[in-house]
Amino acid sequence: MPGSKQMALYDYTALNSSNESQAGVMVEKDKNGVARRLLQQGLRPLEIRRHKQAGGSSFFFASLQDKFQAKRITKTDVEFFTKQLTLLLNAGLSLDASLRIMKAQSRKPVFRQFTGGIEQKLKEGKSFSEALSEQPVFSSMYVNVARAGEEGGILPTMLTKISEYQATFQELKQFIISASIYPLILLVVGLAAIIILVTAILPRFEILFSGMGQDLPANVKVMMAVAHFFTNHYLSALLLLFCPPFALYKYLKTAEGRKKYDHLAIRLPILAGFVRDLETTRIFRTLEVLVNNGVHLATALRITSGVAVNVEYRQALNRATEALKEGQQVGRKLKAERLLPDLAVDLLSIGEESGRVGEVCGQIAEHFEVELRMRIKRLIAMLEPALILFIALIAGYVVVSMLSVIMSINDIAG
């Protein structure tokens, strides 16, 4: 009907018969409809307000999101999709009705197309997991957990598990980013100070030194040449500074470059520890979610091999999958690969023998997530003074070199 209102989400707070406050979410056409339903349920409404979507709290931020992310579905969109769909299904709506509401309420055109596409697949007779599998933004882990939820009739519960899984890794990612901010600021400020020293201060001494009757030391000549090059050919200097890192970045994006980096990453003393703890956390957290939700261990290992970032770990998991199909224990096979920590594979073997693989995988993931956080904190604690010392040594060397020449001038003048 032309004048009919669309269904929307509303947050409410109400009192029950025992005068205890309870909050929840309800789908209705307007606030009056929410109030009527609450009264029918024996609840006295205290507050009813329109549910705010994540990332859409203000027009300004919504406009920024539409401007910079309007043409693609991001990981944030997938997390929002999971949380909102779980919320709507738990509110009692059907799957297709939930998708329609999400599509109607979204202010991001590509997200409306995204949810509409999944809804259309359902209308064509496909299952929800089949519709997800045709969307490249959903991992095989996501699809398989959703399939397990469909088959067991507990899709909202499975989506909650996926949401918790996503939140865990998002929190870990934010922790790593937050821990890296201060050292990066130190590095940028230090490099800027060195560039200013070389390009703005050293050239001022050139006039002073040009009138000297003796040759400058070799190190001062080199610094003057560098200062002259940066001052008069700054575009070329910028290219020399930024082209090598950019070329390395592009090379690492290739299959050959990524393979060599992965091979090197697990052999460098400091980097290898971070890669090991990160991959261990990612692998066993994924195995926990899959096995605890009814996915066979062989299938779970195959899916988890796609979650691992390092190619060496992916290959090890693939070999473990084949070993399991041949009747071997996964723990023993992974221990022979010597990539994962001994504690992790020993506990996995115990879990296989006791039939508690999912529970043990969760304990392993939690332990090595704590280890990873501690390792990052220790590195940052060492990195900050190391950066300060490095920058101070370079700046100090330049200053001392200049002062030594100035002192020599004074000696000649004296």
Protein backbone atom coordinates (compact mmCIF):
# COMPACT_ATOMS: atom_id res chain seq x y z
CA MET A 1 0.00 0.00 0.00
CA PRO A 2 1.34 3.49 -0.84
CA GLY A 3 0.79 4.91 2.65
CA SER A 4 2.01 1.88 4.63
CA LYS A 5 5.03 2.22 6.88
CA GLN A 6 8.08 0.00 6.69
CA MET A 7 9.04 -2.19 9.62
CA ALA A 8 11.94 -0.88 11.70
CA LEU A 9 14.05 -1.81 14.71
CA TYR A 10 13.36 -0.21 18.09
CA ASP A 11 15.27 -0.47 21.38
CA TYR A 12 13.07 -0.53 24.46
CA THR A 13 13.34 -0.50 28.23
CA ALA A 14 10.36 -1.76 30.23
CA LEU A 15 9.27 -2.98 33.69
CA ASN A 16 7.94 -6.50 34.22
CA SER A 17 5.39 -7.65 36.81
CA SER A 18 8.11 -7.74 39.49
CA ASN A 19 9.08 -4.11 38.72
CA GLU A 20 12.42 -5.28 37.31
CA SER A 21 13.85 -3.38 34.37
CA GLN A 22 14.57 -5.27 31.16
CA ALA A 23 15.78 -4.10 27.77
CA GLY A 24 15.49 -5.55 24.30
CA VAL A 25 14.92 -4.96 20.62
CA MET A 26 11.62 -5.19 18.75
CA VAL A 27 10.59 -4.89 15.12
CA GLU A 28 7.51 -2.73 14.53
CA LYS A 29 6.17 0.02 12.26
CA ASP A 30 6.41 2.76 14.89
CA LYS A 31 6.85 3.41 18.62
CA ASN A 32 3.12 3.03 19.31
CA GLY A 33 3.23 -0.46 17.86
CA VAL A 34 6.14 -1.34 20.16
CA ALA A 35 4.26 0.03 23.17
CA ARG A 36 1.14 -2.00 22.32
CA ARG A 37 3.11 -5.22 21.98
CA LEU A 38 4.93 -4.60 25.26
CA LEU A 39 1.63 -4.04 27.08
CA GLN A 40 0.25 -7.25 25.54
CA GLN A 41 3.27 -9.08 26.96
CA GLY A 42 2.58 -7.66 30.45
CA LEU A 43 5.43 -5.13 30.31
CA ARG A 44 5.22 -1.42 31.09
CA PRO A 45 7.31 0.60 28.63
CA LEU A 46 9.72 3.14 30.08
CA GLU A 47 11.68 4.18 26.98
CA ILE A 48 11.34 3.38 23.28
CA ARG A 49 13.84 4.68 20.74
CA ARG A 50 14.87 3.95 17.17
CA HIS A 51 17.70 1.44 16.95
CA LYS A 52 20.93 3.01 15.69
CA GLN A 53 22.94 1.09 13.12
CA ALA A 54 26.68 0.63 13.71
CA GLY A 55 28.69 3.27 11.96
CA GLY A 56 25.61 5.43 11.32
CA SER A 57 25.35 7.57 14.45
CA SER A 58 25.57 10.84 12.58
CA PHE A 59 24.94 12.14 9.10
CA PHE A 60 28.54 13.34 8.82
CA PHE A 61 30.09 9.94 9.47
CA ALA A 62 27.49 8.20 7.35
CA SER A 63 28.34 10.56 4.50
CA LEU A 64 32.05 9.81 4.89
CA GLN A 65 31.33 6.09 4.83
CA ASP A 66 29.20 6.45 1.70
CA LYS A 67 31.92 8.52 0.04
CA PHE A 68 34.94 6.33 0.75
CA GLN A 69 33.42 2.84 1.02
CA ALA A 70 30.33 3.10 -1.16
CA LYS A 71 31.58 0.84 -3.93
CA ARG A 72 32.54 -2.28 -1.99
CA ILE A 73 31.57 -4.50 0.90
CA THR A 74 34.14 -4.23 3.69
CA LYS A 75 34.92 -6.47 6.66
CA THR A 76 33.05 -3.96 8.82
CA ASP A 77 29.98 -4.48 6.63
CA VAL A 78 30.24 -8.25 7.07
CA GLU A 79 30.48 -7.85 10.86
CA PHE A 80 27.48 -5.51 10.86
CA PHE A 81 25.54 -7.93 8.64
CA THR A 82 26.23 -10.79 11.06
CA LYS A 83 25.26 -8.86 14.19
CA GLN A 84 22.10 -7.35 12.72
CA LEU A 85 20.93 -10.62 11.20
CA THR A 86 21.45 -12.38 14.54
CA LEU A 87 19.49 -9.64 16.30
CA LEU A 88 16.56 -9.85 13.87
CA LEU A 89 16.39 -13.64 13.89
CA ASN A 90 16.44 -13.67 17.70
CA ALA A 91 13.58 -11.14 17.61
CA GLY A 92 11.46 -13.79 15.88
CA LEU A 93 11.62 -12.67 12.25
CA SER A 94 12.12 -15.04 9.37
CA LEU A 95 15.36 -15.01 7.40
CA ASP A 96 13.92 -13.32 4.30
CA ALA A 97 12.07 -10.71 6.38
CA SER A 98 15.29 -9.93 8.27
CA LEU A 99 17.15 -9.40 5.01
CA ARG A 100 14.38 -7.11 3.72
CA ILE A 101 14.54 -4.93 6.85
CA MET A 102 18.34 -4.69 6.64
CA LYS A 103 18.09 -3.71 2.99
CA ALA A 104 15.44 -1.07 3.69
CA GLN A 105 17.32 0.52 6.59
CA SER A 106 20.80 0.65 5.07
CA ARG A 107 22.09 3.99 3.78
CA LYS A 108 24.87 2.36 1.78
CA PRO A 109 23.70 1.46 -1.76
CA VAL A 110 26.17 -1.40 -2.23
CA PHE A 111 25.02 -2.94 1.08
CA ARG A 112 21.39 -2.78 -0.08
CA GLN A 113 22.40 -4.59 -3.26
CA PHE A 114 24.38 -7.08 -1.21
CA THR A 115 21.50 -8.01 1.13
CA GLY A 116 19.05 -7.89 -1.76
CA GLY A 117 21.22 -10.34 -3.71
CA ILE A 118 21.21 -12.83 -0.82
CA GLU A 119 17.43 -12.42 -0.46
CA GLN A 120 17.00 -13.10 -4.18
CA LYS A 121 19.02 -16.31 -3.91
CA LEU A 122 16.69 -17.48 -1.15
CA LYS A 123 13.68 -16.77 -3.38
CA GLU A 124 15.31 -18.90 -6.09
CA GLY A 125 15.23 -21.85 -3.70
CA LYS A 126 18.83 -21.83 -2.54
CA SER A 127 19.77 -22.30 1.10
CA PHE A 128 21.26 -19.46 3.12
CA SER A 129 24.72 -21.07 3.16
CA GLU A 130 24.57 -21.59 -0.62
CA ALA A 131 23.69 -17.91 -1.07
CA LEU A 132 26.61 -16.92 1.16
CA SER A 133 29.04 -19.17 -0.73
CA GLU A 134 28.36 -17.17 -3.91
CA GLN A 135 29.45 -13.95 -2.20
CA PRO A 136 33.27 -13.58 -2.21
CA VAL A 137 33.29 -11.60 1.06
CA PHE A 138 32.30 -14.67 3.12
CA SER A 139 35.06 -17.08 4.10
CA SER A 140 34.65 -20.83 3.87
CA MET A 141 34.62 -20.92 7.68
CA TYR A 142 31.66 -18.52 7.76
CA VAL A 143 29.75 -20.53 5.16
CA ASN A 144 30.35 -23.87 6.87
CA VAL A 145 29.31 -22.62 10.31
CA ALA A 146 26.16 -21.12 8.77
CA ARG A 147 25.46 -24.46 7.05
CA ALA A 148 25.83 -26.28 10.38
CA GLY A 149 23.35 -23.82 11.90
CA GLU A 150 20.84 -24.40 9.11
CA GLU A 151 21.06 -28.17 9.34
CA GLY A 152 20.69 -28.10 13.14
CA GLY A 153 17.95 -25.46 13.18
CA ILE A 154 20.08 -23.14 15.30
CA LEU A 155 21.17 -20.52 12.75
CA PRO A 156 20.95 -17.52 15.17
CA THR A 157 23.19 -19.36 17.64
CA MET A 158 25.73 -20.13 14.94
CA LEU A 159 25.70 -16.53 13.72
CA THR A 160 26.37 -15.44 17.29
CA LYS A 161 29.42 -17.73 17.32
CA ILE A 162 30.64 -16.19 14.07
CA SER A 163 30.10 -12.70 15.49
CA GLU A 164 32.14 -13.59 18.59
CA TYR A 165 34.88 -15.03 16.34
CA GLN A 166 34.99 -11.84 14.28
CA ALA A 167 35.02 -9.67 17.40
CA THR A 168 37.96 -11.62 18.87
CA PHE A 169 40.18 -11.08 15.85
CA GLN A 170 39.04 -7.50 15.40
CA GLU A 171 40.04 -6.80 19.00
CA LEU A 172 43.43 -8.45 18.45
CA LYS A 173 43.95 -6.43 15.27
CA GLN A 174 43.08 -3.18 17.06
CA PHE A 175 45.47 -4.09 19.88
CA ILE A 176 48.33 -4.55 17.41
CA ILE A 177 47.51 -1.28 15.62
CA SER A 178 47.23 0.66 18.89
CA ALA A 179 50.54 -0.73 20.13
CA SER A 180 52.23 0.31 16.88
CA ILE A 181 51.05 3.93 16.84
CA TYR A 182 53.57 5.43 19.27
CA PRO A 183 56.68 3.82 17.70
CA LEU A 184 55.49 4.94 14.27
CA ILE A 185 55.03 8.51 15.51
CA LEU A 186 58.55 8.41 16.97
CA LEU A 187 59.95 7.15 13.68
CA VAL A 188 58.13 9.74 11.55
CA VAL A 189 59.05 12.65 13.83
CA GLY A 190 62.66 11.49 14.04
CA LEU A 191 63.02 11.13 10.27
CA ALA A 192 61.40 14.53 9.77
CA ALA A 193 63.89 16.08 12.20
CA ILE A 194 66.81 14.48 10.36
CA ILE A 195 65.49 15.64 6.97
CA ILE A 196 65.09 19.21 8.27
CA LEU A 197 68.61 19.08 9.72
CA VAL A 198 70.08 17.91 6.42
CA THR A 199 68.05 20.10 4.04
CA ALA A 200 67.58 23.32 6.02
CA ILE A 201 70.43 23.63 8.52
CA LEU A 202 73.45 22.05 6.81
CA PRO A 203 73.24 24.29 3.67
CA ARG A 204 73.63 27.35 5.93
CA PHE A 205 77.07 26.11 6.95
CA GLU A 206 78.15 25.65 3.31
CA ILE A 207 78.82 29.36 2.86
CA LEU A 208 80.87 29.38 6.04
CA PHE A 209 82.90 26.36 5.02
CA SER A 210 83.45 27.47 1.40
CA GLY A 211 85.84 30.24 2.51
CA MET A 212 88.09 27.91 4.47
CA GLY A 213 91.61 27.47 3.31
CA GLN A 214 91.68 23.74 4.04
CA ASP A 215 89.84 20.67 2.86
CA LEU A 216 86.79 19.54 4.77
CA PRO A 217 86.79 16.07 6.35
CA ALA A 218 85.43 13.32 4.10
CA ASN A 219 82.35 12.71 6.25
CA VAL A 220 81.43 16.43 6.17
CA LYS A 221 81.88 16.50 2.38
CA VAL A 222 79.48 13.57 2.07
CA MET A 223 76.90 15.25 4.31
CA MET A 224 77.18 18.48 2.33
CA ALA A 225 76.74 16.60 -0.93
CA VAL A 226 73.64 14.89 0.44
CA ALA A 227 72.25 18.21 1.69
CA HIS A 228 72.93 19.83 -1.69
CA PHE A 229 71.24 16.94 -3.55
CA PHE A 230 68.14 17.02 -1.32
CA THR A 231 67.86 20.80 -1.58
CA ASN A 232 68.26 21.11 -5.34
CA HIS A 233 66.81 17.80 -6.55
CA TYR A 234 64.07 17.10 -4.02
CA LEU A 235 61.87 15.19 -6.51
CA SER A 236 64.69 12.81 -7.36
CA ALA A 237 65.50 12.47 -3.66
CA LEU A 238 61.88 11.57 -2.87
CA LEU A 239 61.91 8.98 -5.63
CA LEU A 240 65.10 7.46 -4.24
CA LEU A 241 63.54 7.32 -0.77
CA PHE A 242 60.14 5.92 -1.68
CA CYS A 243 60.67 3.85 -4.84
CA PRO A 244 62.59 0.96 -3.17
CA PRO A 245 59.95 0.41 -0.44
CA PHE A 246 57.16 0.66 -3.02
CA ALA A 247 58.92 -1.81 -5.34
CA LEU A 248 59.39 -4.21 -2.42
CA TYR A 249 55.71 -3.86 -1.51
CA LYS A 250 54.62 -4.64 -5.08
CA TYR A 251 56.97 -7.64 -5.21
CA LEU A 252 55.55 -9.04 -1.97
CA LYS A 253 52.10 -8.84 -3.54
CA THR A 254 53.16 -11.33 -6.22
CA ALA A 255 52.89 -15.08 -5.64
CA GLU A 256 56.66 -15.56 -5.79
CA GLY A 257 57.35 -12.65 -3.45
CA ARG A 258 54.74 -13.78 -0.94
CA LYS A 259 56.14 -17.31 -0.96
CA LYS A 260 59.69 -16.09 -0.30
CA TYR A 261 58.49 -13.76 2.46
CA ASP A 262 56.53 -16.55 4.16
CA HIS A 263 59.55 -18.84 3.95
CA LEU A 264 61.80 -16.17 5.45
CA ALA A 265 59.28 -15.02 8.10
CA ILE A 266 59.32 -18.34 9.98
CA ARG A 267 63.14 -18.40 10.09
CA LEU A 268 64.06 -14.90 11.25
CA PRO A 269 64.59 -15.02 15.05
CA ILE A 270 62.27 -12.21 16.20
CA LEU A 271 59.70 -12.30 13.39
CA ALA A 272 59.29 -16.08 13.59
CA GLY A 273 57.93 -15.86 17.15
CA PHE A 274 55.25 -13.37 16.15
CA VAL A 275 54.23 -15.38 13.09
CA ARG A 276 54.05 -18.58 15.13
CA ASP A 277 51.88 -17.11 17.91
CA LEU A 278 49.60 -15.27 15.46
CA GLU A 279 49.08 -18.30 13.23
CA THR A 280 48.58 -20.58 16.24
CA THR A 281 45.89 -18.27 17.63
CA ARG A 282 44.16 -17.96 14.25
CA ILE A 283 44.29 -21.70 13.47
CA PHE A 284 43.06 -23.02 16.80
CA ARG A 285 40.39 -20.33 17.25
CA THR A 286 38.95 -21.32 13.87
CA LEU A 287 39.15 -25.03 14.70
CA GLU A 288 37.35 -24.35 17.99
CA VAL A 289 34.42 -22.62 16.29
CA LEU A 290 34.10 -25.25 13.55
CA VAL A 291 34.51 -28.42 15.64
CA ASN A 292 32.29 -27.16 18.47
CA ASN A 293 29.53 -26.53 15.94
CA GLY A 294 29.44 -29.95 14.36
CA VAL A 295 31.94 -29.66 11.52
CA HIS A 296 34.03 -32.81 11.06
CA LEU A 297 37.71 -32.38 11.99
CA ALA A 298 38.92 -33.20 8.46
CA THR A 299 36.62 -30.54 7.00
CA ALA A 300 37.58 -28.12 9.76
CA LEU A 301 41.30 -28.59 8.98
CA ARG A 302 40.69 -28.01 5.27
CA ILE A 303 38.77 -24.80 6.00
CA THR A 304 41.35 -23.63 8.53
CA SER A 305 44.13 -24.05 5.96
CA GLY A 306 42.45 -21.22 4.05
CA VAL A 307 42.38 -19.05 7.19
CA ALA A 308 46.15 -19.36 7.77
CA VAL A 309 48.04 -16.45 6.21
CA ASN A 310 51.52 -17.98 5.93
CA VAL A 311 51.80 -20.46 3.04
CA GLU A 312 54.01 -22.79 5.08
CA TYR A 313 51.26 -23.19 7.68
CA ARG A 314 48.63 -23.71 4.98
CA GLN A 315 50.66 -26.52 3.46
CA ALA A 316 51.23 -28.10 6.89
CA LEU A 317 47.47 -28.10 7.58
CA ASN A 318 46.76 -29.62 4.18
CA ARG A 319 49.21 -32.44 4.92
CA ALA A 320 47.61 -32.93 8.34
CA THR A 321 44.21 -33.24 6.66
CA GLU A 322 45.51 -35.99 4.38
CA ALA A 323 47.11 -37.74 7.36
CA LEU A 324 43.79 -37.67 9.25
CA LYS A 325 42.03 -39.28 6.28
CA GLU A 326 44.65 -42.05 6.41
CA GLY A 327 43.87 -42.70 10.08
CA GLN A 328 46.78 -40.82 11.64
CA GLN A 329 46.51 -38.38 14.55
CA VAL A 330 46.51 -34.73 13.57
CA GLY A 331 48.55 -33.72 16.63
CA ARG A 332 51.39 -36.07 15.80
CA LYS A 333 51.45 -35.01 12.17
CA LEU A 334 51.53 -31.30 13.05
CA LYS A 335 54.28 -31.92 15.62
CA ALA A 336 56.40 -33.51 12.89
CA GLU A 337 55.97 -30.35 10.79
CA ARG A 338 57.72 -28.36 13.58
CA LEU A 339 55.83 -25.13 12.80
CA LEU A 340 53.35 -24.97 15.67
CA PRO A 341 54.46 -24.82 19.33
CA ASP A 342 54.99 -28.20 21.04
CA LEU A 343 52.51 -27.25 23.77
CA ALA A 344 49.77 -26.63 21.21
CA VAL A 345 50.20 -29.90 19.30
CA ASP A 346 50.61 -31.93 22.50
CA LEU A 347 47.35 -30.53 23.87
CA LEU A 348 45.68 -31.21 20.51
CA SER A 349 46.78 -34.85 20.71
CA ILE A 350 45.28 -35.08 24.21
CA GLY A 351 42.06 -33.54 22.89
CA GLU A 352 41.90 -36.12 20.09
CA GLU A 353 42.31 -38.98 22.55
CA SER A 354 39.69 -37.59 24.96
CA GLY A 355 37.21 -36.52 22.26
CA ARG A 356 37.34 -32.86 23.36
CA VAL A 357 39.10 -31.34 20.35
CA GLY A 358 36.93 -28.20 20.19
CA GLU A 359 37.33 -27.36 23.87
CA VAL A 360 41.09 -27.95 23.80
CA CYS A 361 41.49 -25.83 20.65
CA GLY A 362 39.76 -22.95 22.46
CA GLN A 363 42.16 -23.25 25.40
CA ILE A 364 45.16 -23.30 23.04
CA ALA A 365 43.90 -20.21 21.20
CA GLU A 366 43.37 -18.28 24.44
CA HIS A 367 46.83 -19.20 25.77
CA PHE A 368 48.70 -18.12 22.64
CA GLU A 369 46.62 -14.98 22.22
CA VAL A 370 47.86 -13.94 25.68
CA GLU A 371 51.41 -14.92 24.64
CA LEU A 372 51.10 -12.83 21.47
CA ARG A 373 49.93 -9.77 23.40
CA MET A 374 52.81 -10.11 25.86
CA ARG A 375 55.29 -10.53 23.01
CA ILE A 376 53.99 -7.35 21.35
CA LYS A 377 54.23 -5.40 24.62
CA ARG A 378 57.82 -6.56 25.16
CA LEU A 379 58.79 -5.62 21.60
CA ILE A 380 57.24 -2.16 21.91
CA ALA A 381 59.01 -1.65 25.24
CA MET A 382 62.34 -2.36 23.52
CA LEU A 383 61.53 -0.64 20.24
CA GLU A 384 60.70 2.79 21.66
CA PRO A 385 64.10 3.47 23.29
CA ALA A 386 65.86 1.83 20.33
CA LEU A 387 64.21 4.27 17.91
CA ILE A 388 65.00 7.23 20.14
CA LEU A 389 68.64 6.12 20.41
CA PHE A 390 68.91 5.54 16.64
CA ILE A 391 67.56 8.98 15.79
CA ALA A 392 69.66 10.64 18.47
CA LEU A 393 72.83 8.97 17.16
CA ILE A 394 72.23 10.15 13.60
CA ALA A 395 71.30 13.70 14.60
CA GLY A 396 74.16 13.78 17.13
CA TYR A 397 76.67 12.59 14.55
CA VAL A 398 75.68 15.39 12.16
CA VAL A 399 75.82 18.04 14.89
CA VAL A 400 79.15 16.85 16.29
CA SER A 401 80.67 16.73 12.79
CA MET A 402 79.61 20.33 12.15
CA LEU A 403 80.87 21.48 15.54
CA SER A 404 84.26 19.83 14.97
CA VAL A 405 84.70 21.77 11.71
CA ILE A 406 83.62 25.02 13.40
CA MET A 407 86.13 24.40 16.18
CA SER A 408 88.84 23.83 13.60
CA ILE A 409 87.98 27.20 12.04
CA ASN A 410 88.36 28.85 15.41
CA ASP A 411 91.74 27.16 15.87
CA ILE A 412 92.92 28.47 12.46
CA ALA A 413 91.60 31.95 13.20
CA GLY A 414 93.32 31.88 16.59
